[in-house]
Protein backbone atom coordinates (compact mmCIF):
# COMPACT_ATOMS: atom_id res chain seq x y z
CA MET A 1 107.66 101.30 76.41
CA LYS A 2 111.48 102.34 76.24
CA HIS A 3 112.73 97.93 76.41
CA ALA A 4 109.91 96.61 74.97
CA ALA A 5 111.88 95.54 71.91
CA ASP A 6 114.21 94.14 73.93
CA MET A 7 111.85 92.46 76.41
CA ALA A 8 110.35 90.87 73.42
CA LYS A 9 113.39 89.40 72.80
CA LEU A 10 113.95 87.64 75.75
CA ARG A 11 110.47 86.18 76.47
CA THR A 12 110.99 85.07 73.07
CA LEU A 13 114.21 83.16 73.64
CA ALA A 14 112.85 82.56 76.88
CA ALA A 15 110.28 80.43 75.09
CA MET A 16 112.61 78.73 72.54
CA GLY A 17 112.66 75.53 74.92
CA LEU A 18 116.97 75.47 74.37
CA THR A 19 119.12 73.97 76.10
CA ALA A 20 120.43 75.73 79.70
CA GLU A 21 123.69 75.46 78.16
CA VAL A 22 122.73 77.96 74.92
CA PHE A 23 120.31 79.46 76.26
CA ILE A 24 122.44 80.60 79.09
CA PRO A 25 125.69 82.77 76.58
CA ALA A 26 121.93 83.63 74.05
CA LEU A 27 120.56 85.51 77.51
CA LEU A 28 123.88 86.74 78.04
CA GLU A 29 124.61 88.11 74.96
CA LEU A 30 121.27 89.97 75.08
CA LEU A 31 121.34 91.85 78.01
CA HIS A 32 124.03 93.90 76.98
CA GLY A 33 120.92 95.75 74.57
CA LEU A 34 119.03 95.65 78.02
CA ILE A 35 121.67 96.88 80.18
CA PRO A 36 124.78 98.12 78.98
CA SER A 37 127.55 95.98 81.05
CA ASP A 38 131.13 95.05 80.33
CA ARG A 39 131.44 91.36 81.15
CA ASN A 40 128.13 89.13 82.10
CA LEU A 41 128.40 86.18 83.95
CA PHE A 42 126.35 82.99 85.21
CA ASP A 43 126.51 80.71 87.71
CA TRP A 44 124.36 77.28 88.10
CA THR A 45 123.86 76.34 91.85
CA ASP A 46 122.35 73.58 93.39
CA ALA A 47 119.26 73.66 95.49
CA ARG A 48 121.35 74.00 98.42
CA GLY A 49 123.05 77.16 96.55
CA ARG A 50 126.63 75.54 96.28
CA LEU A 51 128.39 76.27 92.93
CA LEU A 52 128.11 73.69 90.04
CA ARG A 53 129.61 75.65 87.12
CA TYR A 54 129.80 78.54 85.79
CA TYR A 55 129.59 80.60 82.34
CA PHE A 56 131.78 84.19 81.90
CA GLU A 57 131.66 86.04 78.66
CA GLY A 58 135.72 86.98 77.79
CA ASP A 59 138.33 84.66 78.54
CA VAL A 60 139.23 81.97 81.31
CA ASP A 61 142.19 82.63 83.35
CA HIS A 62 143.10 79.43 85.42
CA GLU A 63 145.67 81.39 87.70
CA ILE A 64 143.00 83.92 88.77
CA ASN A 65 140.27 80.91 88.87
CA ARG A 66 142.73 78.87 91.48
CA HIS A 67 143.37 81.83 93.03
CA TYR A 68 139.59 82.84 93.61
CA PHE A 69 139.00 79.25 94.01
CA GLU A 70 141.30 78.42 96.70
CA ALA A 71 141.52 81.71 99.01
CA PHE A 72 138.07 83.65 98.80
CA HIS A 73 135.65 81.80 97.68
CA ASN A 74 132.81 81.46 100.52
CA ARG A 75 136.08 82.31 102.25
CA ARG A 76 138.02 85.63 101.92
CA GLU A 77 135.60 87.54 99.75
CA ALA A 78 133.64 87.59 103.45
CA GLU A 79 135.99 90.15 104.51
CA VAL A 80 134.04 93.01 102.08
CA MET A 81 130.89 91.44 100.69
CA MET A 82 128.73 88.66 101.70
CA PRO A 83 129.71 85.19 100.38
CA PHE A 84 128.59 83.87 97.10
CA HIS A 85 126.69 80.71 99.42
CA GLU A 86 124.99 83.40 101.43
CA ALA A 87 124.47 85.60 98.08
CA VAL A 88 122.19 83.35 96.75
CA THR A 89 120.27 81.47 100.04
CA SER A 90 119.67 85.17 101.13
CA GLY A 91 116.21 85.20 99.85
CA VAL A 92 117.07 88.80 97.86
CA VAL A 93 116.71 88.88 94.43
CA VAL A 94 119.28 91.67 92.99
CA HIS A 95 122.43 92.73 95.06
CA SER A 96 122.85 96.45 94.58
CA ALA A 97 126.14 97.74 93.15
CA GLU A 98 126.12 99.78 96.07
CA ARG A 99 126.90 97.45 98.50
CA LEU A 100 130.27 97.17 97.39
CA ASP A 101 130.59 100.86 96.37
CA ARG A 102 133.02 102.04 98.90
CA PRO A 103 136.73 102.63 99.95
CA GLU A 104 137.28 99.61 101.81
CA PHE A 105 135.95 97.18 98.77
CA PHE A 106 138.31 98.65 96.16
CA ARG A 107 141.43 98.61 98.49
CA SER A 108 140.38 94.69 99.32
CA ALA A 109 142.33 91.92 98.37
CA LEU A 110 139.61 90.43 96.62
CA TYR A 111 139.66 93.52 94.32
CA ASN A 112 143.21 94.20 93.87
CA GLU A 113 143.93 90.07 92.91
CA ILE A 114 140.52 89.03 91.40
CA TRP A 115 138.41 91.90 89.73
CA ARG A 116 141.24 94.34 89.06
CA PRO A 117 143.33 92.47 86.76
CA GLN A 118 140.05 91.05 85.16
CA ARG A 119 139.04 94.75 84.53
CA LEU A 120 136.35 94.61 86.47
CA HIS A 121 134.84 97.10 88.65
CA THR A 122 131.62 97.23 89.56
CA ARG A 123 128.41 95.05 89.07
CA ALA A 124 124.85 93.71 89.92
CA GLU A 125 123.76 90.49 90.60
CA ALA A 126 119.99 88.99 90.52
CA VAL A 127 119.54 85.02 92.08
CA VAL A 128 117.45 83.63 90.05
CA ARG A 129 115.11 80.60 91.02
CA GLY A 130 112.92 77.40 90.62
CA VAL A 131 109.19 77.80 91.42
CA ARG A 132 109.77 75.92 94.79
CA GLY A 133 112.18 79.40 95.60
CA GLU A 134 115.08 76.99 95.34
CA PRO A 135 118.25 78.42 93.60
CA LEU A 136 119.21 77.70 90.13
CA GLY A 137 122.03 80.10 90.15
CA SER A 138 123.63 84.03 89.88
CA LEU A 139 122.75 85.98 87.19
CA VAL A 140 125.83 89.04 87.15
CA LEU A 141 126.47 92.07 84.63
CA TYR A 142 130.01 93.94 85.28
CA ARG A 143 131.04 97.13 84.11
CA GLY A 144 134.70 97.96 84.11
CA PRO A 145 137.09 100.97 85.64
CA GLY A 146 135.90 104.09 84.49
CA GLU A 147 132.27 103.18 84.16
CA ARG A 148 129.46 104.27 85.82
CA LYS A 149 127.74 101.83 88.57
CA PHE A 150 124.54 100.29 87.98
CA SER A 151 121.86 102.76 88.74
CA ARG A 152 118.79 101.77 90.58
CA ALA A 153 116.58 102.04 87.51
CA GLU A 154 118.79 99.31 86.08
CA GLU A 155 118.60 96.94 89.27
CA GLY A 156 114.91 97.09 88.88
CA LEU A 157 114.93 96.37 85.09
CA LEU A 158 117.18 92.96 86.16
CA ALA A 159 114.51 92.40 88.81
CA ARG A 160 111.72 92.15 85.79
CA ILE A 161 114.00 90.17 83.92
CA VAL A 162 114.73 87.66 86.41
CA PRO A 163 111.31 85.69 85.65
CA TYR A 164 112.02 84.98 82.27
CA VAL A 165 115.22 83.66 83.35
CA ALA A 166 114.08 81.22 85.06
CA ARG A 167 111.99 80.13 82.37
CA GLY A 168 114.30 80.20 80.38
CA LEU A 169 116.23 77.82 82.36
CA GLN A 170 113.38 75.36 83.26
CA ALA A 171 111.80 75.31 79.64
CA PRO A 172 111.05 71.75 78.00
CA THR A 173 114.10 71.20 75.62
CA ALA A 174 114.59 68.87 72.56
CA GLU A 175 116.30 66.06 71.72
CA LEU A 176 120.02 66.62 70.78
CA GLY A 177 120.40 64.13 67.74
CA GLY A 178 119.06 66.30 64.41
CA ILE A 179 119.49 69.63 65.83
CA ALA A 180 121.15 71.90 62.51
CA TYR A 181 123.87 74.10 63.39
CA VAL A 182 125.51 77.20 62.04
CA ALA A 183 129.09 77.97 62.91
CA ARG A 184 129.63 80.88 65.26
CA ARG A 185 132.07 83.20 63.41
CA ASP A 186 133.17 85.30 66.59
CA ARG A 187 133.43 81.63 68.77
CA ARG A 188 136.26 80.44 66.72
CA GLY A 189 139.90 79.60 68.76
CA ILE A 190 143.63 78.60 67.94
CA LEU A 191 145.89 75.98 69.78
CA CYS A 192 149.69 74.21 68.81
CA LEU A 193 150.52 71.20 70.34
CA GLY A 194 154.46 70.12 70.65
CA ALA A 195 156.66 67.95 69.10
CA ASP A 196 155.63 65.92 72.26
CA GLY A 197 151.72 66.38 72.19
CA GLU A 198 152.18 69.51 75.12
CA LEU A 199 150.01 72.33 74.74
CA LEU A 200 152.26 75.25 73.66
CA HIS A 201 150.31 77.92 72.38
CA LEU A 202 146.22 79.31 72.92
CA SER A 203 144.39 81.93 71.40
CA PRO A 204 142.32 84.08 73.42
CA GLU A 205 138.82 81.96 74.31
CA VAL A 206 140.36 78.86 73.37
CA LEU A 207 140.71 77.41 76.43
CA LYS A 208 136.74 77.80 77.17
CA LEU A 209 135.50 76.77 74.00
CA LEU A 210 138.28 73.39 75.06
CA LEU A 211 136.51 73.15 78.66
CA LEU A 212 132.88 73.94 76.52
CA ALA A 213 133.81 71.36 74.63
CA HIS A 214 134.20 68.45 77.26
CA GLY A 215 131.82 69.15 79.72
CA GLY A 216 131.55 72.85 80.98
CA VAL A 217 133.03 75.22 83.19
CA THR A 218 133.33 74.35 86.35
CA PRO A 219 135.60 75.82 89.49
CA GLU A 220 137.65 72.26 89.26
CA SER A 221 138.35 71.90 85.43
CA ALA A 222 139.40 76.17 85.25
CA SER A 223 141.43 76.05 88.10
CA VAL A 224 144.03 73.85 86.60
CA SER A 225 146.99 74.96 84.20
CA PRO A 226 145.39 73.08 80.71
CA ARG A 227 147.44 70.14 79.43
CA ARG A 228 146.32 68.25 76.33
CA GLU A 229 145.63 64.93 78.46
CA HIS A 230 142.43 66.69 80.11
CA PHE A 231 140.92 67.13 76.79
CA PRO A 232 139.89 63.81 75.26
CA THR A 233 139.78 65.22 71.55
CA LEU A 234 143.45 66.83 71.65
CA THR A 235 144.70 63.67 73.04
CA ALA A 236 142.45 61.57 70.09
CA LEU A 237 143.45 64.22 67.02
CA TRP A 238 147.56 63.86 68.41
CA GLU A 239 147.51 60.09 68.05
CA GLN A 240 146.18 60.38 64.73
CA HIS A 241 148.39 62.89 63.64
CA LEU A 242 151.53 60.01 65.11
CA ARG A 243 149.65 57.49 63.20
CA SER A 244 150.15 58.88 60.30
CA PRO A 245 153.59 62.32 60.59
CA GLY A 246 154.43 63.76 58.37
CA LEU A 247 153.11 67.57 56.22
CA SER A 248 151.65 65.73 52.75
CA ARG A 249 149.25 64.40 55.37
CA PRO A 250 146.41 66.70 54.94
CA GLY A 251 145.29 66.51 58.83
CA SER A 252 142.02 65.42 60.91
CA SER A 253 138.66 66.54 62.13
CA VAL A 254 136.68 65.66 64.74
CA SER A 255 133.06 66.96 65.70
CA VAL A 256 131.82 67.09 69.20
CA GLU A 257 128.20 67.53 70.38
CA ASN A 258 126.96 68.43 73.53
CA ALA A 259 124.63 70.71 75.43
CA TRP A 260 126.77 73.39 74.87
CA GLY A 261 126.32 73.28 70.70
CA ARG A 262 128.51 71.90 68.22
CA PHE A 263 132.24 71.92 68.16
CA LEU A 264 134.61 70.98 65.06
CA PHE A 265 138.52 70.36 65.77
CA GLU A 266 140.53 70.71 63.17
CA SER A 267 143.91 69.68 62.77
CA CYS A 268 147.16 70.90 60.49
CA PRO A 269 150.71 69.58 61.28
CA LEU A 270 153.11 72.57 60.56
CA GLN A 271 156.65 71.98 59.76
CA THR A 272 159.34 74.33 61.79
CA LEU A 273 161.78 76.60 60.30
CA GLY A 274 164.68 73.78 62.00
CA LEU A 275 165.34 71.05 59.48
CA ASP A 276 166.01 69.14 62.68
CA ARG A 277 163.12 70.19 64.75
CA ALA A 278 159.60 67.73 64.48
CA PRO A 279 156.49 68.94 62.86
CA LEU A 280 153.88 71.17 65.40
CA LEU A 281 150.20 69.98 65.32
CA HIS A 282 147.95 73.34 64.73
CA ILE A 283 144.00 72.62 65.46
CA THR A 284 141.37 75.03 65.37
CA VAL A 285 138.11 74.91 67.60
CA GLN A 286 134.71 76.38 65.89
CA HIS A 287 131.65 76.49 67.65
CA HIS A 288 128.56 75.99 66.25
CA GLU A 289 125.21 77.19 67.77
CA PRO A 290 121.34 75.37 67.20
CA GLN A 291 120.44 76.95 63.81
CA GLY A 292 117.29 78.32 65.74
CA LEU A 293 119.30 80.26 67.93
CA ALA A 294 121.21 81.74 64.63
CA LEU A 295 117.45 82.60 62.46
CA ARG A 296 115.75 83.86 66.12
CA ARG A 297 118.87 86.56 66.39
CA VAL A 298 118.64 87.52 62.55
CA LEU A 299 115.20 88.28 62.08
CA ASP A 300 115.56 90.33 65.76
CA GLY A 301 118.17 92.88 64.13
CA LEU A 302 115.13 93.04 60.99
CA ALA A 303 113.38 96.02 61.46
CA LEU A 304 110.23 94.54 61.75
CA THR A 305 107.70 94.62 64.47
CA PRO A 306 107.02 91.82 66.77
CA THR A 307 104.70 89.94 65.26
CA GLN A 308 105.85 90.66 61.60
CA LYS A 309 108.77 88.54 63.03
CA ASP A 310 106.64 85.43 63.85
CA VAL A 311 105.37 85.63 60.35
CA CYS A 312 108.35 86.34 58.79
CA LEU A 313 109.49 83.25 60.54
CA LEU A 314 106.42 81.22 59.87
CA LEU A 315 107.06 82.08 56.28
CA ARG A 316 110.29 80.80 55.86
CA THR A 317 109.66 77.53 57.46
CA GLY A 318 107.22 76.81 54.64
CA HIS A 319 103.85 77.59 55.77
CA SER A 320 101.38 79.28 53.74
CA GLN A 321 99.31 82.67 54.64
CA LEU A 322 96.38 80.60 55.43
CA GLU A 323 98.26 78.46 58.32
CA ILE A 324 99.82 81.29 59.12
CA ALA A 325 96.53 83.15 60.22
CA ARG A 326 95.54 79.46 61.48
CA LEU A 327 98.51 79.38 63.89
CA MET A 328 98.10 82.79 65.20
CA GLU A 329 94.03 83.17 65.58
CA VAL A 330 94.08 86.28 63.15
CA SER A 331 92.20 86.44 59.88
CA PRO A 332 94.43 85.90 56.70
CA SER A 333 93.56 89.68 55.81
CA THR A 334 95.62 90.37 59.00
CA VAL A 335 98.58 87.96 57.88
CA ALA A 336 98.46 89.11 54.41
CA ASP A 337 98.97 93.15 55.33
CA HIS A 338 101.78 91.92 57.47
CA VAL A 339 103.43 90.02 54.35
CA LYS A 340 103.08 93.11 52.52
CA LYS A 341 105.17 95.60 54.79
CA ILE A 342 107.64 92.28 55.37
CA TYR A 343 108.11 92.18 51.69
CA ALA A 344 108.26 96.77 51.51
CA ARG A 345 110.80 96.72 54.74
CA LEU A 346 112.87 93.77 53.46
CA ASP A 347 113.21 95.00 49.97
CA VAL A 348 111.93 91.44 48.46
CA HIS A 349 109.22 89.67 46.26
CA SER A 350 108.05 86.29 47.25
CA VAL A 351 108.50 83.70 49.97
CA HIS A 352 111.36 82.38 47.80
CA GLU A 353 113.31 85.87 48.14
CA LEU A 354 112.74 86.63 51.75
CA ALA A 355 113.85 82.90 52.65
CA GLY A 356 117.25 83.40 50.60
CA LEU A 357 117.56 86.16 52.52
CA ILE A 358 117.60 85.34 55.69
CA GLN A 359 119.85 82.07 55.00
CA ARG A 360 122.29 84.48 53.57
CA LEU A 361 121.97 86.83 57.00
CA VAL A 362 122.57 83.88 59.05
CA GLY A 363 124.93 82.44 57.01
CA THR A 364 126.83 85.84 57.73
CA ALA A 365 126.10 86.30 61.25
C-alpha cells in the first residue's frame, strides 16, 4: 500500500487521453514521487527499435548530444553496456542498474565523456512495448554522483509502472483544436538576438523549448549548434522587428500550438548602452500545458482520497450531486457524504467556493 496513492495518480494520468507528447513530461514528473531520481528520460522508437525522438528533463546540451550520437549511440557504448537498439529489442522489461555498477563502466569513455558532464551516475531502464510486443520506447531514470543506486524493489516497481506507460502512449487523444491551456511557470526561457539576427544568448532550458515548439527533440535537431534560422518562429519575430525597428515599438508575439502544448513567443527590443550599437531583440518563450492536466495536478496535491478528487473534479465541471451519483454508479447519499468531507478538508462551503479555490491553485501552479 506504500505506493497506492501515486499509482492511482499514474492510472489517472494514463487514462486522460493526453497526446503522447504531453503525457511523457507529466509522467516523468510524476515518477519522482514513486521512484526518487535526479533526471528522467523517455526515448521514442519505431517498431524496429530505432530511436526517433526523446524527452529529457533539464537542459539540452547540443555538444554532448552531437558527441554521443556520432561516437557512442549503437557504437562505442557496446564497449561497456548493451547498445540502445539491442536493449529495446532484447525482450527484457527492466535493465538493472547492477549491470553498470562496475569499475570498467566508470573508467569508460561513455561515462566520462557523456554521463559525467551531465552529472549522471547510475540508471534503471525499462522498455515499453505495444500490444503486439513491438517497442514503443525506453524509460530511463537517472541518479547523480553520490546518490544510491536503484534497488531491486525500485526496479520491480518500475516494471509495474510500464503497462500504464504503454496505456498512456496508446490512449485515444482528443483533437488539439479548442483545448484550453495554462502557463507552466517553471517552463519559461529567454533568448537574445543580435543586431544581425544571430542567436547570442540562451537561458537554461530555452533550447529545449525551441525544439519542442518546432516539432520535438530528435538526434539530428539536438546535435547541432542552434541558430535563429533553425527556428521559423524566431525568424518571423526578427523579420517583424526589421519592418518596424526602434525602441518605441512594443514588440510582437506569436503563439504556436502543437502536440507538445502551446508556446507563446514575445519579443521586445533592447537598447545597448553604446549609442553606435543597434538594438538587440529580447524574446521570451512560455510553455503552456492543457488546462485539464494542470487541474489534475492541483487535485492530486489536495488532501483528498482518489474518489473525493473525482467528485471534486465533477463538481468543478458543473455536475450536480445526482448526476455524479449516476456517473459514478453510487447512491446520492454516498456522493453527499463525499461532498461534506471535501468541504470540511478544503474549508469551503459551496461549489462556487470550491471552484474558485481550484482555479486559484491552477493559476499559481
